[in-house]
């Protein structure tokens, strides 16, 4: 199975987890997903009042330079750990 296929399966599996991960883990999953599907964050930072948007933006920004393949594999591994 290709990395992309494994990643897509992990994304589907993430919606079927028995319990909801904590916010820090959700943020990490979000950032890895974005890095794995879009690459480096090229968007502008959300405004001060958008706390959730800023947290997501910052988490994704921290992964700058990580390859999409690396991010996909880390996402897959994290979902496997959460099962």
PDB file of N, CA and C in Angstrom:
ATOM      1  N   UNK A   1       0.863  -1.187   0.000  1.00  0.00           N
ATOM      2  CA  UNK A   1       0.000   0.000   0.000  1.00  0.00           C
ATOM      3  C   UNK A   1       0.900   1.239   0.000  1.00  0.00           C
ATOM      4  N   UNK A   2       0.580   2.210  -0.837  1.00  0.00           N
ATOM      5  CA  UNK A   2       1.389   3.419  -0.933  1.00  0.00           C
ATOM      6  C   UNK A   2       1.206   4.301   0.304  1.00  0.00           C
ATOM      7  N   UNK A   3       2.142   5.215   0.506  1.00  0.00           N
ATOM      8  CA  UNK A   3       2.061   6.125   1.643  1.00  0.00           C
ATOM      9  C   UNK A   3       0.780   6.947   1.573  1.00  0.00           C
ATOM     10  N   UNK A   4       0.434   7.405   0.372  1.00  0.00           N
ATOM     11  CA  UNK A   4      -0.775   8.219   0.199  1.00  0.00           C
ATOM     12  C   UNK A   4      -2.017   7.414   0.589  1.00  0.00           C
ATOM     13  N   UNK A   5      -2.074   6.153   0.184  1.00  0.00           N
ATOM     14  CA  UNK A   5      -3.217   5.292   0.519  1.00  0.00           C
ATOM     15  C   UNK A   5      -3.284   5.052   2.029  1.00  0.00           C
ATOM     16  N   UNK A   6      -2.125   4.827   2.654  1.00  0.00           N
ATOM     17  CA  UNK A   6      -2.088   4.640   4.107  1.00  0.00           C
ATOM     18  C   UNK A   6      -2.551   5.915   4.824  1.00  0.00           C
ATOM     19  N   UNK A   7      -2.116   7.059   4.292  1.00  0.00           N
ATOM     20  CA  UNK A   7      -2.499   8.349   4.868  1.00  0.00           C
ATOM     21  C   UNK A   7      -4.012   8.541   4.770  1.00  0.00           C
ATOM     22  N   UNK A   8      -4.577   8.275   3.599  1.00  0.00           N
ATOM     23  CA  UNK A   8      -6.025   8.424   3.409  1.00  0.00           C
ATOM     24  C   UNK A   8      -6.806   7.480   4.337  1.00  0.00           C
ATOM     25  N   UNK A   9      -6.274   6.274   4.552  1.00  0.00           N
ATOM     26  CA  UNK A   9      -6.912   5.337   5.488  1.00  0.00           C
ATOM     27  C   UNK A   9      -6.834   5.885   6.910  1.00  0.00           C
ATOM     28  N   UNK A  10      -5.683   6.451   7.280  1.00  0.00           N
ATOM     29  CA  UNK A  10      -5.520   7.025   8.621  1.00  0.00           C
ATOM     30  C   UNK A  10      -6.475   8.198   8.833  1.00  0.00           C
ATOM     31  N   UNK A  11      -6.678   9.012   7.786  1.00  0.00           N
ATOM     32  CA  UNK A  11      -7.623  10.131   7.880  1.00  0.00           C
ATOM     33  C   UNK A  11      -9.031   9.582   8.130  1.00  0.00           C
ATOM     34  N   UNK A  12      -9.407   8.539   7.398  1.00  0.00           N
ATOM     35  CA  UNK A  12     -10.721   7.916   7.602  1.00  0.00           C
ATOM     36  C   UNK A  12     -10.814   7.319   9.007  1.00  0.00           C
ATOM     37  N   UNK A  13      -9.743   6.657   9.449  1.00  0.00           N
ATOM     38  CA  UNK A  13      -9.716   6.061  10.788  1.00  0.00           C
ATOM     39  C   UNK A  13      -9.827   7.125  11.886  1.00  0.00           C
ATOM     40  N   UNK A  14      -9.303   8.311  11.623  1.00  0.00           N
ATOM     41  CA  UNK A  14      -9.328   9.379  12.636  1.00  0.00           C
ATOM     42  C   UNK A  14     -10.758   9.780  12.993  1.00  0.00           C
ATOM     43  N   UNK A  15     -11.660   9.583  12.061  1.00  0.00           N
ATOM     44  CA  UNK A  15     -13.068   9.936  12.297  1.00  0.00           C
ATOM     45  C   UNK A  15     -13.809   8.850  13.085  1.00  0.00           C
ATOM     46  N   UNK A  16     -13.141   7.684  13.275  1.00  0.00           N
ATOM     47  CA  UNK A  16     -13.784   6.557  13.955  1.00  0.00           C
ATOM     48  C   UNK A  16     -13.108   6.190  15.265  1.00  0.00           C
ATOM     49  N   UNK A  17     -12.279   7.091  15.802  1.00  0.00           N
ATOM     50  CA  UNK A  17     -11.602   6.783  17.063  1.00  0.00           C
ATOM     51  C   UNK A  17     -12.630   6.590  18.171  1.00  0.00           C
ATOM     52  N   UNK A  18     -12.343   5.676  19.091  1.00  0.00           N
ATOM     53  CA  UNK A  18     -13.297   5.374  20.155  1.00  0.00           C
ATOM     54  C   UNK A  18     -13.504   6.559  21.101  1.00  0.00           C
ATOM     55  N   UNK A  19     -12.446   7.354  21.318  1.00  0.00           N
ATOM     56  CA  UNK A  19     -12.633   8.557  22.124  1.00  0.00           C
ATOM     57  C   UNK A  19     -11.900   9.732  21.481  1.00  0.00           C
ATOM     58  N   UNK A  20     -12.411  10.915  21.753  1.00  0.00           N
ATOM     59  CA  UNK A  20     -11.863  12.131  21.156  1.00  0.00           C
ATOM     60  C   UNK A  20     -10.510  12.448  21.795  1.00  0.00           C
ATOM     61  N   UNK A  21      -9.474  12.680  20.971  1.00  0.00           N
ATOM     62  CA  UNK A  21      -8.163  13.036  21.528  1.00  0.00           C
ATOM     63  C   UNK A  21      -8.214  14.398  22.233  1.00  0.00           C
ATOM     64  N   UNK A  22      -7.226  14.650  23.095  1.00  0.00           N
ATOM     65  CA  UNK A  22      -7.176  15.951  23.764  1.00  0.00           C
ATOM     66  C   UNK A  22      -6.834  17.042  22.743  1.00  0.00           C
ATOM     67  N   UNK A  23      -7.008  18.291  23.146  1.00  0.00           N
ATOM     68  CA  UNK A  23      -6.824  19.417  22.222  1.00  0.00           C
ATOM     69  C   UNK A  23      -5.414  19.493  21.648  1.00  0.00           C
ATOM     70  N   UNK A  24      -4.402  19.194  22.453  1.00  0.00           N
ATOM     71  CA  UNK A  24      -3.021  19.244  21.962  1.00  0.00           C
ATOM     72  C   UNK A  24      -2.806  18.215  20.850  1.00  0.00           C
ATOM     73  N   UNK A  25      -3.383  17.027  21.028  1.00  0.00           N
ATOM     74  CA  UNK A  25      -3.255  15.979  20.011  1.00  0.00           C
ATOM     75  C   UNK A  25      -4.033  16.354  18.759  1.00  0.00           C
ATOM     76  N   UNK A  26      -5.224  16.918  18.939  1.00  0.00           N
ATOM     77  CA  UNK A  26      -6.012  17.364  17.784  1.00  0.00           C
ATOM     78  C   UNK A  26      -5.256  18.419  16.986  1.00  0.00           C
ATOM     79  N   UNK A  27      -4.589  19.328  17.694  1.00  0.00           N
ATOM     80  CA  UNK A  27      -3.812  20.376  17.039  1.00  0.00           C
ATOM     81  C   UNK A  27      -2.657  19.772  16.249  1.00  0.00           C
ATOM     82  N   UNK A  28      -2.003  18.777  16.831  1.00  0.00           N
ATOM     83  CA  UNK A  28      -0.901  18.099  16.143  1.00  0.00           C
ATOM     84  C   UNK A  28      -1.415  17.376  14.896  1.00  0.00           C
ATOM     85  N   UNK A  29      -2.551  16.693  15.029  1.00  0.00           N
ATOM     86  CA  UNK A  29      -3.142  16.004  13.873  1.00  0.00           C
ATOM     87  C   UNK A  29      -3.476  17.006  12.767  1.00  0.00           C
ATOM     88  N   UNK A  30      -4.055  18.137  13.151  1.00  0.00           N
ATOM     89  CA  UNK A  30      -4.398  19.178  12.182  1.00  0.00           C
ATOM     90  C   UNK A  30      -3.147  19.642  11.437  1.00  0.00           C
ATOM     91  N   UNK A  31      -2.103  19.960  12.202  1.00  0.00           N
ATOM     92  CA  UNK A  31      -0.876  20.483  11.598  1.00  0.00           C
ATOM     93  C   UNK A  31      -0.230  19.448  10.676  1.00  0.00           C
ATOM     94  N   UNK A  32      -0.170  18.204  11.118  1.00  0.00           N
ATOM     95  CA  UNK A  32       0.414  17.147  10.279  1.00  0.00           C
ATOM     96  C   UNK A  32      -0.410  16.931   9.016  1.00  0.00           C
ATOM     97  N   UNK A  33      -1.740  16.997   9.151  1.00  0.00           N
ATOM     98  CA  UNK A  33      -2.616  16.844   7.985  1.00  0.00           C
ATOM     99  C   UNK A  33      -2.339  17.960   6.969  1.00  0.00           C
ATOM    100  N   UNK A  34      -2.311  19.199   7.464  1.00  0.00           N
ATOM    101  CA  UNK A  34      -2.090  20.338   6.567  1.00  0.00           C
ATOM    102  C   UNK A  34      -0.712  20.252   5.906  1.00  0.00           C
ATOM    103  N   UNK A  35       0.318  19.901   6.685  1.00  0.00           N
ATOM    104  CA  UNK A  35       1.669  19.785   6.134  1.00  0.00           C
ATOM    105  C   UNK A  35       1.737  18.644   5.125  1.00  0.00           C
ATOM    106  N   UNK A  36       1.038  17.560   5.428  1.00  0.00           N
ATOM    107  CA  UNK A  36       1.044  16.402   4.543  1.00  0.00           C
ATOM    108  C   UNK A  36       0.277  16.612   3.253  1.00  0.00           C
ATOM    109  N   UNK A  37      -0.735  17.465   3.287  1.00  0.00           N
ATOM    110  CA  UNK A  37      -1.551  17.676   2.091  1.00  0.00           C
ATOM    111  C   UNK A  37      -1.193  18.962   1.331  1.00  0.00           C
ATOM    112  N   UNK A  38      -0.706  19.983   2.046  1.00  0.00           N
ATOM    113  CA  UNK A  38      -0.445  21.271   1.391  1.00  0.00           C
ATOM    114  C   UNK A  38       1.005  21.726   1.450  1.00  0.00           C
ATOM    115  N   UNK A  39       1.820  21.089   2.290  1.00  0.00           N
ATOM    116  CA  UNK A  39       3.207  21.525   2.439  1.00  0.00           C
ATOM    117  C   UNK A  39       3.302  22.691   3.408  1.00  0.00           C
ATOM    118  N   UNK A  40       4.357  23.479   3.273  1.00  0.00           N
ATOM    119  CA  UNK A  40       4.590  24.581   4.196  1.00  0.00           C
ATOM    120  C   UNK A  40       3.446  25.581   4.224  1.00  0.00           C
ATOM    121  N   UNK A  41       3.225  26.131   5.410  1.00  0.00           N
ATOM    122  CA  UNK A  41       2.176  27.129   5.629  1.00  0.00           C
ATOM    123  C   UNK A  41       2.546  28.427   4.911  1.00  0.00           C
ATOM    124  N   UNK A  42       1.745  28.818   3.947  1.00  0.00           N
ATOM    125  CA  UNK A  42       1.965  30.062   3.207  1.00  0.00           C
ATOM    126  C   UNK A  42       0.845  31.064   3.466  1.00  0.00           C
ATOM    127  N   UNK A  43      -0.030  30.770   4.427  1.00  0.00           N
ATOM    128  CA  UNK A  43      -1.167  31.644   4.711  1.00  0.00           C
ATOM    129  C   UNK A  43      -0.760  32.735   5.692  1.00  0.00           C
ATOM    130  N   UNK A  44      -1.547  33.800   5.755  1.00  0.00           N
ATOM    131  CA  UNK A  44      -1.251  34.866   6.710  1.00  0.00           C
ATOM    132  C   UNK A  44      -1.802  34.501   8.082  1.00  0.00           C
ATOM    133  N   UNK A  45      -1.145  35.005   9.119  1.00  0.00           N
ATOM    134  CA  UNK A  45      -1.517  34.691  10.501  1.00  0.00           C
ATOM    135  C   UNK A  45      -2.878  35.299  10.818  1.00  0.00           C
ATOM    136  N   UNK A  46      -3.788  34.509  11.415  1.00  0.00           N
ATOM    137  CA  UNK A  46      -5.109  35.035  11.787  1.00  0.00           C
ATOM    138  C   UNK A  46      -4.989  36.164  12.821  1.00  0.00           C
ATOM    139  N   UNK A  47      -6.030  36.965  12.921  1.00  0.00           N
ATOM    140  CA  UNK A  47      -6.057  38.096  13.840  1.00  0.00           C
ATOM    141  C   UNK A  47      -6.039  37.677  15.306  1.00  0.00           C
ATOM    142  N   UNK A  48      -5.772  38.649  16.172  1.00  0.00           N
ATOM    143  CA  UNK A  48      -5.652  38.403  17.616  1.00  0.00           C
ATOM    144  C   UNK A  48      -6.905  37.768  18.226  1.00  0.00           C
ATOM    145  N   UNK A  49      -8.070  38.093  17.718  1.00  0.00           N
ATOM    146  CA  UNK A  49      -9.313  37.608  18.313  1.00  0.00           C
ATOM    147  C   UNK A  49      -9.646  36.168  17.901  1.00  0.00           C
ATOM    148  N   UNK A  50      -8.983  35.666  16.889  1.00  0.00           N
ATOM    149  CA  UNK A  50      -9.230  34.298  16.412  1.00  0.00           C
ATOM    150  C   UNK A  50      -8.241  33.348  17.093  1.00  0.00           C
ATOM    151  N   UNK A  51      -8.537  33.008  18.351  1.00  0.00           N
ATOM    152  CA  UNK A  51      -7.622  32.186  19.140  1.00  0.00           C
ATOM    153  C   UNK A  51      -7.424  30.786  18.540  1.00  0.00           C
ATOM    154  N   UNK A  52      -8.504  30.167  18.120  1.00  0.00           N
ATOM    155  CA  UNK A  52      -8.414  28.818  17.549  1.00  0.00           C
ATOM    156  C   UNK A  52      -7.633  28.861  16.239  1.00  0.00           C
ATOM    157  N   UNK A  53      -7.961  29.820  15.394  1.00  0.00           N
ATOM    158  CA  UNK A  53      -7.252  29.975  14.118  1.00  0.00           C
ATOM    159  C   UNK A  53      -5.765  30.210  14.317  1.00  0.00           C
ATOM    160  N   UNK A  54      -5.422  31.024  15.313  1.00  0.00           N
ATOM    161  CA  UNK A  54      -4.009  31.306  15.599  1.00  0.00           C
ATOM    162  C   UNK A  54      -3.293  30.052  16.101  1.00  0.00           C
ATOM    163  N   UNK A  55      -3.952  29.281  16.947  1.00  0.00           N
ATOM    164  CA  UNK A  55      -3.345  28.045  17.465  1.00  0.00           C
ATOM    165  C   UNK A  55      -3.091  27.065  16.324  1.00  0.00           C
ATOM    166  N   UNK A  56      -4.068  26.915  15.441  1.00  0.00           N
ATOM    167  CA  UNK A  56      -3.911  26.019  14.289  1.00  0.00           C
ATOM    168  C   UNK A  56      -2.789  26.515  13.379  1.00  0.00           C
ATOM    169  N   UNK A  57      -2.782  27.822  13.110  1.00  0.00           N
ATOM    170  CA  UNK A  57      -1.774  28.413  12.234  1.00  0.00           C
ATOM    171  C   UNK A  57      -0.384  28.171  12.813  1.00  0.00           C
ATOM    172  N   UNK A  58      -0.224  28.421  14.111  1.00  0.00           N
ATOM    173  CA  UNK A  58       1.078  28.267  14.768  1.00  0.00           C
ATOM    174  C   UNK A  58       1.546  26.811  14.748  1.00  0.00           C
ATOM    175  N   UNK A  59       0.631  25.886  15.004  1.00  0.00           N
ATOM    176  CA  UNK A  59       0.985  24.465  14.992  1.00  0.00           C
ATOM    177  C   UNK A  59       1.473  24.048  13.603  1.00  0.00           C
ATOM    178  N   UNK A  60       0.783  24.529  12.568  1.00  0.00           N
ATOM    179  CA  UNK A  60       1.191  24.208  11.195  1.00  0.00           C
ATOM    180  C   UNK A  60       2.511  24.885  10.868  1.00  0.00           C
ATOM    181  N   UNK A  61       2.677  26.131  11.287  1.00  0.00           N
ATOM    182  CA  UNK A  61       3.888  26.901  11.014  1.00  0.00           C
ATOM    183  C   UNK A  61       5.125  26.215  11.608  1.00  0.00           C
ATOM    184  N   UNK A  62       4.964  25.569  12.770  1.00  0.00           N
ATOM    185  CA  UNK A  62       6.082  24.877  13.423  1.00  0.00           C
ATOM    186  C   UNK A  62       6.626  23.722  12.585  1.00  0.00           C
ATOM    187  N   UNK A  63       5.831  23.220  11.651  1.00  0.00           N
ATOM    188  CA  UNK A  63       6.252  22.088  10.821  1.00  0.00           C
ATOM    189  C   UNK A  63       6.924  22.529   9.518  1.00  0.00           C
ATOM    190  N   UNK A  64       7.111  23.835   9.361  1.00  0.00           N
ATOM    191  CA  UNK A  64       7.717  24.370   8.130  1.00  0.00           C
ATOM    192  C   UNK A  64       9.030  23.649   7.852  1.00  0.00           C
ATOM    193  N   UNK A  65       9.196  23.198   6.625  1.00  0.00           N
ATOM    194  CA  UNK A  65      10.411  22.506   6.219  1.00  0.00           C
ATOM    195  C   UNK A  65      10.288  20.988   6.268  1.00  0.00           C
ATOM    196  N   UNK A  66       9.294  20.474   6.977  1.00  0.00           N
ATOM    197  CA  UNK A  66       9.075  19.021   7.039  1.00  0.00           C
ATOM    198  C   UNK A  66       8.457  18.588   5.710  1.00  0.00           C
ATOM    199  N   UNK A  67       8.960  17.507   5.145  1.00  0.00           N
ATOM    200  CA  UNK A  67       8.424  17.041   3.861  1.00  0.00           C
ATOM    201  C   UNK A  67       6.992  16.536   4.032  1.00  0.00           C
ATOM    202  N   UNK A  68       6.250  16.552   2.935  1.00  0.00           N
ATOM    203  CA  UNK A  68       4.868  16.061   2.993  1.00  0.00           C
ATOM    204  C   UNK A  68       4.856  14.578   3.349  1.00  0.00           C
ATOM    205  N   UNK A  69       5.825  13.813   2.835  1.00  0.00           N
ATOM    206  CA  UNK A  69       5.904  12.381   3.150  1.00  0.00           C
ATOM    207  C   UNK A  69       6.159  12.149   4.642  1.00  0.00           C
ATOM    208  N   UNK A  70       7.068  12.932   5.215  1.00  0.00           N
ATOM    209  CA  UNK A  70       7.346  12.825   6.661  1.00  0.00           C
ATOM    210  C   UNK A  70       6.089  13.127   7.475  1.00  0.00           C
ATOM    211  N   UNK A  71       5.395  14.200   7.091  1.00  0.00           N
ATOM    212  CA  UNK A  71       4.188  14.602   7.816  1.00  0.00           C
ATOM    213  C   UNK A  71       3.110  13.529   7.696  1.00  0.00           C
ATOM    214  N   UNK A  72       2.951  12.965   6.507  1.00  0.00           N
ATOM    215  CA  UNK A  72       1.958  11.900   6.320  1.00  0.00           C
ATOM    216  C   UNK A  72       2.284  10.706   7.212  1.00  0.00           C
ATOM    217  N   UNK A  73       3.561  10.311   7.255  1.00  0.00           N
ATOM    218  CA  UNK A  73       3.954   9.151   8.059  1.00  0.00           C
ATOM    219  C   UNK A  73       3.733   9.424   9.544  1.00  0.00           C
ATOM    220  N   UNK A  74       4.049  10.636  10.005  1.00  0.00           N
ATOM    221  CA  UNK A  74       3.825  10.975  11.411  1.00  0.00           C
ATOM    222  C   UNK A  74       2.334  10.963  11.740  1.00  0.00           C
ATOM    223  N   UNK A  75       1.512  11.428  10.807  1.00  0.00           N
ATOM    224  CA  UNK A  75       0.059  11.410  10.993  1.00  0.00           C
ATOM    225  C   UNK A  75      -0.425   9.966  11.130  1.00  0.00           C
ATOM    226  N   UNK A  76       0.033   9.104  10.231  1.00  0.00           N
ATOM    227  CA  UNK A  76      -0.348   7.686  10.254  1.00  0.00           C
ATOM    228  C   UNK A  76       0.054   7.067  11.591  1.00  0.00           C
ATOM    229  N   UNK A  77       1.290   7.329  12.021  1.00  0.00           N
ATOM    230  CA  UNK A  77       1.792   6.754  13.279  1.00  0.00           C
ATOM    231  C   UNK A  77       0.976   7.243  14.473  1.00  0.00           C
ATOM    232  N   UNK A  78       0.629   8.526  14.474  1.00  0.00           N
ATOM    233  CA  UNK A  78      -0.141   9.082  15.588  1.00  0.00           C
ATOM    234  C   UNK A  78      -1.535   8.466  15.649  1.00  0.00           C
ATOM    235  N   UNK A  79      -2.178   8.312  14.502  1.00  0.00           N
ATOM    236  CA  UNK A  79      -3.512   7.684  14.479  1.00  0.00           C
ATOM    237  C   UNK A  79      -3.414   6.245  14.971  1.00  0.00           C
ATOM    238  N   UNK A  80      -2.375   5.532  14.561  1.00  0.00           N
ATOM    239  CA  UNK A  80      -2.200   4.139  15.025  1.00  0.00           C
ATOM    240  C   UNK A  80      -2.053   4.095  16.542  1.00  0.00           C
ATOM    241  N   UNK A  81      -1.322   5.065  17.108  1.00  0.00           N
ATOM    242  CA  UNK A  81      -1.147   5.123  18.568  1.00  0.00           C
ATOM    243  C   UNK A  81      -2.457   5.414  19.274  1.00  0.00           C
ATOM    244  N   UNK A  82      -3.342   6.169  18.637  1.00  0.00           N
ATOM    245  CA  UNK A  82      -4.611   6.563  19.253  1.00  0.00           C
ATOM    246  C   UNK A  82      -5.668   5.470  19.186  1.00  0.00           C
ATOM    247  N   UNK A  83      -5.478   4.483  18.326  1.00  0.00           N
ATOM    248  CA  UNK A  83      -6.490   3.410  18.173  1.00  0.00           C
ATOM    249  C   UNK A  83      -6.575   2.556  19.420  1.00  0.00           C
TER     250      UNK A  83
END
